[in-house]
């Protein structure tokens, strides 16, 4: 029986960088479709990809818009942003537009391979668990249903990405227990990497914007300063 092909969408306007990434991901037995123009890539977003890699700065449609649109179309897909900018604002913008992860240029090809493999492992695990009934958690008006990947608050269904849902479910299964950002990266994203705290912070902030009446004074997702986060109920 033929093994299903794992497909990657890569959008990078620098052809040399795109070629290096494509060659190294192909070494992992991945099919890589490469585009150098954001507007051309935008037309491909409905296709069946397992993971996408977007440079932020692109001709035509920029990477942030590609990320936001793809996340709307496919909540479960893994998205990695590439950026030549190391400012906190650019990183946060990528994550808030739905990216799961980011790498700042110049980056190690081995690091990129490791991130891609980690996200694909998480995706494979998620797909394997789809037919397994998991415990539905209910806290007052909040229901977290891992079988449908659905959040409901006061009878309103809240949209969430796969990573947002997984992070909330993981924390809610152990209320009041504090987890460090490094622990959450390892559990939800499948890796630990120096400088990746923004990934966790931004995901928590997006969840708060959906769950909390006052995100600045959260009820559900508490910050434990100097340590990490916990779910409160």
C-alpha atoms as a PDB file:
ATOM      1  CA  UNK A   1       0.000   0.000   0.000  1.00  0.00           C
ATOM      2  CA  UNK A   2       1.390   3.416  -0.988  1.00  0.00           C
ATOM      3  CA  UNK A   3       2.221   5.716   1.889  1.00  0.00           C
ATOM      4  CA  UNK A   4       0.203   8.974   1.754  1.00  0.00           C
ATOM      5  CA  UNK A   5       2.271  11.966   0.643  1.00  0.00           C
ATOM      6  CA  UNK A   6       2.887  14.690   3.204  1.00  0.00           C
ATOM      7  CA  UNK A   7       2.645  18.025   1.418  1.00  0.00           C
ATOM      8  CA  UNK A   8       4.232  21.316   2.422  1.00  0.00           C
ATOM      9  CA  UNK A   9       3.331  24.753   1.061  1.00  0.00           C
ATOM     10  CA  UNK A  10       6.407  27.017   1.053  1.00  0.00           C
ATOM     11  CA  UNK A  11       6.102  30.707   0.149  1.00  0.00           C
ATOM     12  CA  UNK A  12       9.468  32.509   0.142  1.00  0.00           C
ATOM     13  CA  UNK A  13      10.444  35.260  -2.311  1.00  0.00           C
ATOM     14  CA  UNK A  14      14.204  34.709  -1.949  1.00  0.00           C
ATOM     15  CA  UNK A  15      14.819  31.903  -4.424  1.00  0.00           C
ATOM     16  CA  UNK A  16      18.122  30.822  -2.854  1.00  0.00           C
ATOM     17  CA  UNK A  17      16.504  30.436   0.589  1.00  0.00           C
ATOM     18  CA  UNK A  18      13.487  28.710  -0.942  1.00  0.00           C
ATOM     19  CA  UNK A  19      15.734  26.236  -2.746  1.00  0.00           C
ATOM     20  CA  UNK A  20      17.712  25.435   0.420  1.00  0.00           C
ATOM     21  CA  UNK A  21      14.507  24.878   2.417  1.00  0.00           C
ATOM     22  CA  UNK A  22      12.912  22.801  -0.337  1.00  0.00           C
ATOM     23  CA  UNK A  23      15.954  20.548  -0.751  1.00  0.00           C
ATOM     24  CA  UNK A  24      16.305  19.941   2.978  1.00  0.00           C
ATOM     25  CA  UNK A  25      12.609  19.217   3.516  1.00  0.00           C
ATOM     26  CA  UNK A  26      12.592  16.913   0.510  1.00  0.00           C
ATOM     27  CA  UNK A  27      15.308  14.943   2.339  1.00  0.00           C
ATOM     28  CA  UNK A  28      12.614  14.182   4.936  1.00  0.00           C
ATOM     29  CA  UNK A  29      10.464  12.583   2.200  1.00  0.00           C
ATOM     30  CA  UNK A  30       8.141  15.582   2.105  1.00  0.00           C
ATOM     31  CA  UNK A  31       6.592  17.014  -1.051  1.00  0.00           C
ATOM     32  CA  UNK A  32       7.286  20.756  -1.141  1.00  0.00           C
ATOM     33  CA  UNK A  33       5.336  23.138  -3.398  1.00  0.00           C
ATOM     34  CA  UNK A  34       7.261  26.405  -3.696  1.00  0.00           C
ATOM     35  CA  UNK A  35       5.882  29.848  -4.535  1.00  0.00           C
ATOM     36  CA  UNK A  36       7.766  33.140  -4.601  1.00  0.00           C
ATOM     37  CA  UNK A  37       4.759  35.469  -4.899  1.00  0.00           C
ATOM     38  CA  UNK A  38       2.112  35.818  -2.169  1.00  0.00           C
ATOM     39  CA  UNK A  39      -0.745  36.461  -4.581  1.00  0.00           C
ATOM     40  CA  UNK A  40       0.010  33.280  -6.521  1.00  0.00           C
ATOM     41  CA  UNK A  41       0.240  31.306  -3.288  1.00  0.00           C
ATOM     42  CA  UNK A  42      -3.109  32.721  -2.129  1.00  0.00           C
ATOM     43  CA  UNK A  43      -4.777  30.799  -4.968  1.00  0.00           C
ATOM     44  CA  UNK A  44      -3.369  27.539  -3.582  1.00  0.00           C
ATOM     45  CA  UNK A  45      -4.710  27.796  -0.034  1.00  0.00           C
ATOM     46  CA  UNK A  46      -7.676  25.512  -0.688  1.00  0.00           C
ATOM     47  CA  UNK A  47      -5.397  22.645  -1.672  1.00  0.00           C
ATOM     48  CA  UNK A  48      -4.646  19.725   0.624  1.00  0.00           C
ATOM     49  CA  UNK A  49      -1.491  20.711   2.539  1.00  0.00           C
ATOM     50  CA  UNK A  50      -0.334  19.362   5.893  1.00  0.00           C
ATOM     51  CA  UNK A  51       1.923  22.278   6.826  1.00  0.00           C
ATOM     52  CA  UNK A  52       2.650  25.745   5.469  1.00  0.00           C
ATOM     53  CA  UNK A  53       5.757  27.919   5.727  1.00  0.00           C
ATOM     54  CA  UNK A  54       5.302  31.623   4.950  1.00  0.00           C
ATOM     55  CA  UNK A  55       7.843  34.409   4.787  1.00  0.00           C
ATOM     56  CA  UNK A  56       6.264  37.540   6.260  1.00  0.00           C
ATOM     57  CA  UNK A  57       7.547  39.969   3.604  1.00  0.00           C
ATOM     58  CA  UNK A  58       6.364  38.877   0.149  1.00  0.00           C
ATOM     59  CA  UNK A  59       5.475  40.518  -3.169  1.00  0.00           C
ATOM     60  CA  UNK A  60       1.723  40.619  -3.720  1.00  0.00           C
ATOM     61  CA  UNK A  61      -0.116  39.237  -0.693  1.00  0.00           C
ATOM     62  CA  UNK A  62       2.092  39.290   2.402  1.00  0.00           C
ATOM     63  CA  UNK A  63       2.677  36.341   4.692  1.00  0.00           C
ATOM     64  CA  UNK A  64       0.431  37.644   7.467  1.00  0.00           C
ATOM     65  CA  UNK A  65      -2.575  37.760   5.154  1.00  0.00           C
ATOM     66  CA  UNK A  66      -1.772  34.293   3.810  1.00  0.00           C
ATOM     67  CA  UNK A  67      -1.528  32.983   7.358  1.00  0.00           C
ATOM     68  CA  UNK A  68      -4.798  34.550   8.462  1.00  0.00           C
ATOM     69  CA  UNK A  69      -6.698  33.259   5.437  1.00  0.00           C
ATOM     70  CA  UNK A  70      -5.262  29.737   5.621  1.00  0.00           C
ATOM     71  CA  UNK A  71      -6.101  29.542   9.330  1.00  0.00           C
ATOM     72  CA  UNK A  72      -9.717  30.462   8.488  1.00  0.00           C
ATOM     73  CA  UNK A  73      -9.875  27.762   5.828  1.00  0.00           C
ATOM     74  CA  UNK A  74      -8.037  25.035   7.757  1.00  0.00           C
ATOM     75  CA  UNK A  75      -7.972  25.448  11.555  1.00  0.00           C
ATOM     76  CA  UNK A  76      -5.915  22.257  12.043  1.00  0.00           C
ATOM     77  CA  UNK A  77      -3.033  22.939   9.660  1.00  0.00           C
ATOM     78  CA  UNK A  78       0.411  23.751  11.086  1.00  0.00           C
ATOM     79  CA  UNK A  79       1.800  27.144  10.024  1.00  0.00           C
ATOM     80  CA  UNK A  80       5.389  28.345  10.490  1.00  0.00           C
ATOM     81  CA  UNK A  81       6.341  31.979   9.789  1.00  0.00           C
ATOM     82  CA  UNK A  82       9.768  33.060   8.544  1.00  0.00           C
ATOM     83  CA  UNK A  83      10.940  36.602   9.143  1.00  0.00           C
ATOM     84  CA  UNK A  84      14.119  38.615   8.719  1.00  0.00           C
ATOM     85  CA  UNK A  85      12.879  40.905  11.469  1.00  0.00           C
ATOM     86  CA  UNK A  86      13.660  40.029  15.056  1.00  0.00           C
ATOM     87  CA  UNK A  87      11.447  42.612  16.746  1.00  0.00           C
ATOM     88  CA  UNK A  88       8.901  41.332  19.227  1.00  0.00           C
ATOM     89  CA  UNK A  89       6.079  43.116  17.380  1.00  0.00           C
ATOM     90  CA  UNK A  90       6.686  41.261  14.099  1.00  0.00           C
ATOM     91  CA  UNK A  91       6.807  37.913  15.871  1.00  0.00           C
ATOM     92  CA  UNK A  92       3.618  38.623  17.810  1.00  0.00           C
ATOM     93  CA  UNK A  93       1.824  39.777  14.638  1.00  0.00           C
ATOM     94  CA  UNK A  94       2.590  36.460  12.968  1.00  0.00           C
ATOM     95  CA  UNK A  95       1.368  34.447  15.926  1.00  0.00           C
ATOM     96  CA  UNK A  96      -1.753  36.564  16.350  1.00  0.00           C
ATOM     97  CA  UNK A  97      -2.633  36.003  12.692  1.00  0.00           C
ATOM     98  CA  UNK A  98      -2.778  32.276  13.372  1.00  0.00           C
ATOM     99  CA  UNK A  99       0.794  30.999  13.034  1.00  0.00           C
ATOM    100  CA  UNK A 100       1.786  28.114  15.291  1.00  0.00           C
ATOM    101  CA  UNK A 101       5.473  28.881  15.207  1.00  0.00           C
ATOM    102  CA  UNK A 102       8.138  31.201  13.811  1.00  0.00           C
ATOM    103  CA  UNK A 103      11.805  31.237  12.833  1.00  0.00           C
ATOM    104  CA  UNK A 104      13.899  34.392  12.518  1.00  0.00           C
ATOM    105  CA  UNK A 105      16.391  34.615   9.649  1.00  0.00           C
ATOM    106  CA  UNK A 106      19.136  33.569   9.556  1.00  0.00           C
ATOM    107  CA  UNK A 107      18.084  30.205  10.958  1.00  0.00           C
ATOM    108  CA  UNK A 108      19.594  26.736  11.085  1.00  0.00           C
ATOM    109  CA  UNK A 109      18.242  24.320   8.484  1.00  0.00           C
ATOM    110  CA  UNK A 110      18.503  21.574  11.107  1.00  0.00           C
ATOM    111  CA  UNK A 111      16.324  23.667  13.417  1.00  0.00           C
ATOM    112  CA  UNK A 112      13.752  24.135  10.650  1.00  0.00           C
ATOM    113  CA  UNK A 113      13.737  20.386   9.977  1.00  0.00           C
ATOM    114  CA  UNK A 114      13.262  19.709  13.690  1.00  0.00           C
ATOM    115  CA  UNK A 115      10.341  22.155  13.931  1.00  0.00           C
ATOM    116  CA  UNK A 116       8.654  20.722  10.840  1.00  0.00           C
ATOM    117  CA  UNK A 117       9.021  17.152  12.136  1.00  0.00           C
ATOM    118  CA  UNK A 118       7.643  18.169  15.535  1.00  0.00           C
ATOM    119  CA  UNK A 119       4.558  19.797  14.022  1.00  0.00           C
ATOM    120  CA  UNK A 120       3.922  16.868  11.695  1.00  0.00           C
ATOM    121  CA  UNK A 121       4.198  14.447  14.632  1.00  0.00           C
ATOM    122  CA  UNK A 122       1.612  16.494  16.514  1.00  0.00           C
ATOM    123  CA  UNK A 123      -0.655  16.522  13.450  1.00  0.00           C
ATOM    124  CA  UNK A 124      -0.323  12.755  13.045  1.00  0.00           C
ATOM    125  CA  UNK A 125      -1.115  12.197  16.721  1.00  0.00           C
ATOM    126  CA  UNK A 126      -4.142  14.486  16.451  1.00  0.00           C
ATOM    127  CA  UNK A 127      -5.444  12.591  13.410  1.00  0.00           C
ATOM    128  CA  UNK A 128      -4.933   9.223  15.133  1.00  0.00           C
ATOM    129  CA  UNK A 129      -6.910  10.426  18.148  1.00  0.00           C
ATOM    130  CA  UNK A 130      -9.882  11.691  16.155  1.00  0.00           C
ATOM    131  CA  UNK A 131     -11.833   8.466  16.616  1.00  0.00           C
ATOM    132  CA  UNK A 132     -10.955   8.088  20.295  1.00  0.00           C
ATOM    133  CA  UNK A 133     -13.471   9.431  22.777  1.00  0.00           C
ATOM    134  CA  UNK A 134     -11.885  11.803  25.274  1.00  0.00           C
ATOM    135  CA  UNK A 135     -13.252  13.354  28.424  1.00  0.00           C
ATOM    136  CA  UNK A 136     -15.416  16.433  27.852  1.00  0.00           C
ATOM    137  CA  UNK A 137     -14.624  19.083  30.462  1.00  0.00           C
ATOM    138  CA  UNK A 138     -17.301  21.397  31.846  1.00  0.00           C
ATOM    139  CA  UNK A 139     -16.706  24.347  34.150  1.00  0.00           C
ATOM    140  CA  UNK A 140     -19.914  26.290  34.700  1.00  0.00           C
ATOM    141  CA  UNK A 141     -20.780  27.899  31.346  1.00  0.00           C
ATOM    142  CA  UNK A 142     -17.532  26.731  29.705  1.00  0.00           C
ATOM    143  CA  UNK A 143     -17.425  23.360  27.911  1.00  0.00           C
ATOM    144  CA  UNK A 144     -14.277  21.984  26.307  1.00  0.00           C
ATOM    145  CA  UNK A 145     -15.075  19.096  23.965  1.00  0.00           C
ATOM    146  CA  UNK A 146     -11.886  17.396  22.668  1.00  0.00           C
ATOM    147  CA  UNK A 147     -13.862  15.026  20.449  1.00  0.00           C
ATOM    148  CA  UNK A 148     -15.272  17.876  18.385  1.00  0.00           C
ATOM    149  CA  UNK A 149     -12.376  20.282  19.090  1.00  0.00           C
ATOM    150  CA  UNK A 150     -15.073  22.715  20.211  1.00  0.00           C
ATOM    151  CA  UNK A 151     -15.199  25.395  22.895  1.00  0.00           C
ATOM    152  CA  UNK A 152     -18.580  26.574  24.124  1.00  0.00           C
ATOM    153  CA  UNK A 153     -19.068  29.481  26.503  1.00  0.00           C
ATOM    154  CA  UNK A 154     -22.567  30.490  27.628  1.00  0.00           C
ATOM    155  CA  UNK A 155     -24.030  28.472  24.718  1.00  0.00           C
ATOM    156  CA  UNK A 156     -21.816  30.313  22.215  1.00  0.00           C
ATOM    157  CA  UNK A 157     -19.368  28.271  20.149  1.00  0.00           C
ATOM    158  CA  UNK A 158     -15.945  29.941  20.126  1.00  0.00           C
ATOM    159  CA  UNK A 159     -13.623  29.606  17.145  1.00  0.00           C
ATOM    160  CA  UNK A 160     -10.162  28.340  18.012  1.00  0.00           C
ATOM    161  CA  UNK A 161      -7.123  26.965  16.256  1.00  0.00           C
ATOM    162  CA  UNK A 162      -5.895  23.448  17.019  1.00  0.00           C
ATOM    163  CA  UNK A 163      -3.002  24.766  19.120  1.00  0.00           C
ATOM    164  CA  UNK A 164      -5.271  27.125  21.066  1.00  0.00           C
ATOM    165  CA  UNK A 165      -7.658  24.297  21.825  1.00  0.00           C
ATOM    166  CA  UNK A 166      -4.915  21.835  22.767  1.00  0.00           C
ATOM    167  CA  UNK A 167      -3.295  24.341  25.118  1.00  0.00           C
ATOM    168  CA  UNK A 168      -6.565  25.126  26.884  1.00  0.00           C
ATOM    169  CA  UNK A 169      -7.550  21.456  27.166  1.00  0.00           C
ATOM    170  CA  UNK A 170      -4.163  20.507  28.564  1.00  0.00           C
ATOM    171  CA  UNK A 171      -4.301  23.216  31.236  1.00  0.00           C
ATOM    172  CA  UNK A 172      -7.976  22.590  32.050  1.00  0.00           C
ATOM    173  CA  UNK A 173      -7.355  18.881  32.690  1.00  0.00           C
ATOM    174  CA  UNK A 174      -5.200  19.910  35.654  1.00  0.00           C
ATOM    175  CA  UNK A 175      -6.841  23.015  37.156  1.00  0.00           C
ATOM    176  CA  UNK A 176      -4.709  25.220  39.386  1.00  0.00           C
ATOM    177  CA  UNK A 177      -1.508  23.437  38.407  1.00  0.00           C
ATOM    178  CA  UNK A 178       1.107  25.863  37.105  1.00  0.00           C
ATOM    179  CA  UNK A 179       3.064  24.991  33.955  1.00  0.00           C
ATOM    180  CA  UNK A 180       6.125  26.820  32.698  1.00  0.00           C
ATOM    181  CA  UNK A 181       6.287  28.071  29.117  1.00  0.00           C
ATOM    182  CA  UNK A 182       8.978  25.478  28.422  1.00  0.00           C
ATOM    183  CA  UNK A 183       6.714  22.667  29.652  1.00  0.00           C
ATOM    184  CA  UNK A 184       3.851  23.922  27.491  1.00  0.00           C
ATOM    185  CA  UNK A 185       6.080  24.208  24.418  1.00  0.00           C
ATOM    186  CA  UNK A 186       7.226  20.639  24.901  1.00  0.00           C
ATOM    187  CA  UNK A 187       3.707  19.313  25.490  1.00  0.00           C
ATOM    188  CA  UNK A 188       1.733  21.256  22.860  1.00  0.00           C
ATOM    189  CA  UNK A 189       4.291  22.102  20.196  1.00  0.00           C
ATOM    190  CA  UNK A 190       6.596  19.149  20.691  1.00  0.00           C
ATOM    191  CA  UNK A 191       9.858  21.028  21.233  1.00  0.00           C
ATOM    192  CA  UNK A 192      11.679  23.457  23.455  1.00  0.00           C
ATOM    193  CA  UNK A 193      13.739  26.290  21.983  1.00  0.00           C
ATOM    194  CA  UNK A 194      15.289  29.359  23.525  1.00  0.00           C
ATOM    195  CA  UNK A 195      13.376  32.494  22.610  1.00  0.00           C
ATOM    196  CA  UNK A 196      10.095  30.716  21.823  1.00  0.00           C
ATOM    197  CA  UNK A 197       8.185  32.055  24.836  1.00  0.00           C
ATOM    198  CA  UNK A 198       6.314  34.375  22.456  1.00  0.00           C
ATOM    199  CA  UNK A 199       4.650  31.322  20.941  1.00  0.00           C
ATOM    200  CA  UNK A 200       3.034  30.380  24.250  1.00  0.00           C
ATOM    201  CA  UNK A 201       2.350  33.964  25.334  1.00  0.00           C
ATOM    202  CA  UNK A 202       0.606  34.862  22.088  1.00  0.00           C
ATOM    203  CA  UNK A 203      -1.523  31.702  22.137  1.00  0.00           C
ATOM    204  CA  UNK A 204      -2.629  32.449  25.701  1.00  0.00           C
ATOM    205  CA  UNK A 205      -3.438  36.042  24.722  1.00  0.00           C
ATOM    206  CA  UNK A 206      -5.571  34.869  21.790  1.00  0.00           C
ATOM    207  CA  UNK A 207      -7.445  32.459  24.058  1.00  0.00           C
ATOM    208  CA  UNK A 208      -8.057  35.207  26.589  1.00  0.00           C
ATOM    209  CA  UNK A 209      -9.474  37.482  23.901  1.00  0.00           C
ATOM    210  CA  UNK A 210     -12.046  34.770  23.140  1.00  0.00           C
ATOM    211  CA  UNK A 211     -12.766  33.443  26.635  1.00  0.00           C
ATOM    212  CA  UNK A 212     -12.444  36.344  29.010  1.00  0.00           C
ATOM    213  CA  UNK A 213     -14.893  39.159  29.706  1.00  0.00           C
ATOM    214  CA  UNK A 214     -11.878  41.289  30.636  1.00  0.00           C
ATOM    215  CA  UNK A 215      -8.691  39.830  29.056  1.00  0.00           C
ATOM    216  CA  UNK A 216      -6.544  42.204  31.118  1.00  0.00           C
ATOM    217  CA  UNK A 217      -7.958  40.618  34.290  1.00  0.00           C
ATOM    218  CA  UNK A 218      -8.498  36.992  33.253  1.00  0.00           C
ATOM    219  CA  UNK A 219     -10.689  34.586  35.158  1.00  0.00           C
ATOM    220  CA  UNK A 220      -9.877  31.341  33.332  1.00  0.00           C
ATOM    221  CA  UNK A 221      -6.227  31.638  32.282  1.00  0.00           C
ATOM    222  CA  UNK A 222      -4.035  33.059  35.014  1.00  0.00           C
ATOM    223  CA  UNK A 223      -0.433  34.196  34.752  1.00  0.00           C
ATOM    224  CA  UNK A 224       1.818  33.101  37.595  1.00  0.00           C
ATOM    225  CA  UNK A 225       4.561  35.685  37.317  1.00  0.00           C
ATOM    226  CA  UNK A 226       8.035  34.278  36.909  1.00  0.00           C
ATOM    227  CA  UNK A 227       6.677  30.754  36.429  1.00  0.00           C
ATOM    228  CA  UNK A 228       4.041  30.327  33.727  1.00  0.00           C
ATOM    229  CA  UNK A 229       0.292  29.771  33.402  1.00  0.00           C
ATOM    230  CA  UNK A 230      -2.548  27.877  35.044  1.00  0.00           C
ATOM    231  CA  UNK A 231      -6.231  27.217  34.412  1.00  0.00           C
ATOM    232  CA  UNK A 232      -8.488  28.578  37.139  1.00  0.00           C
ATOM    233  CA  UNK A 233     -12.096  27.593  37.776  1.00  0.00           C
END
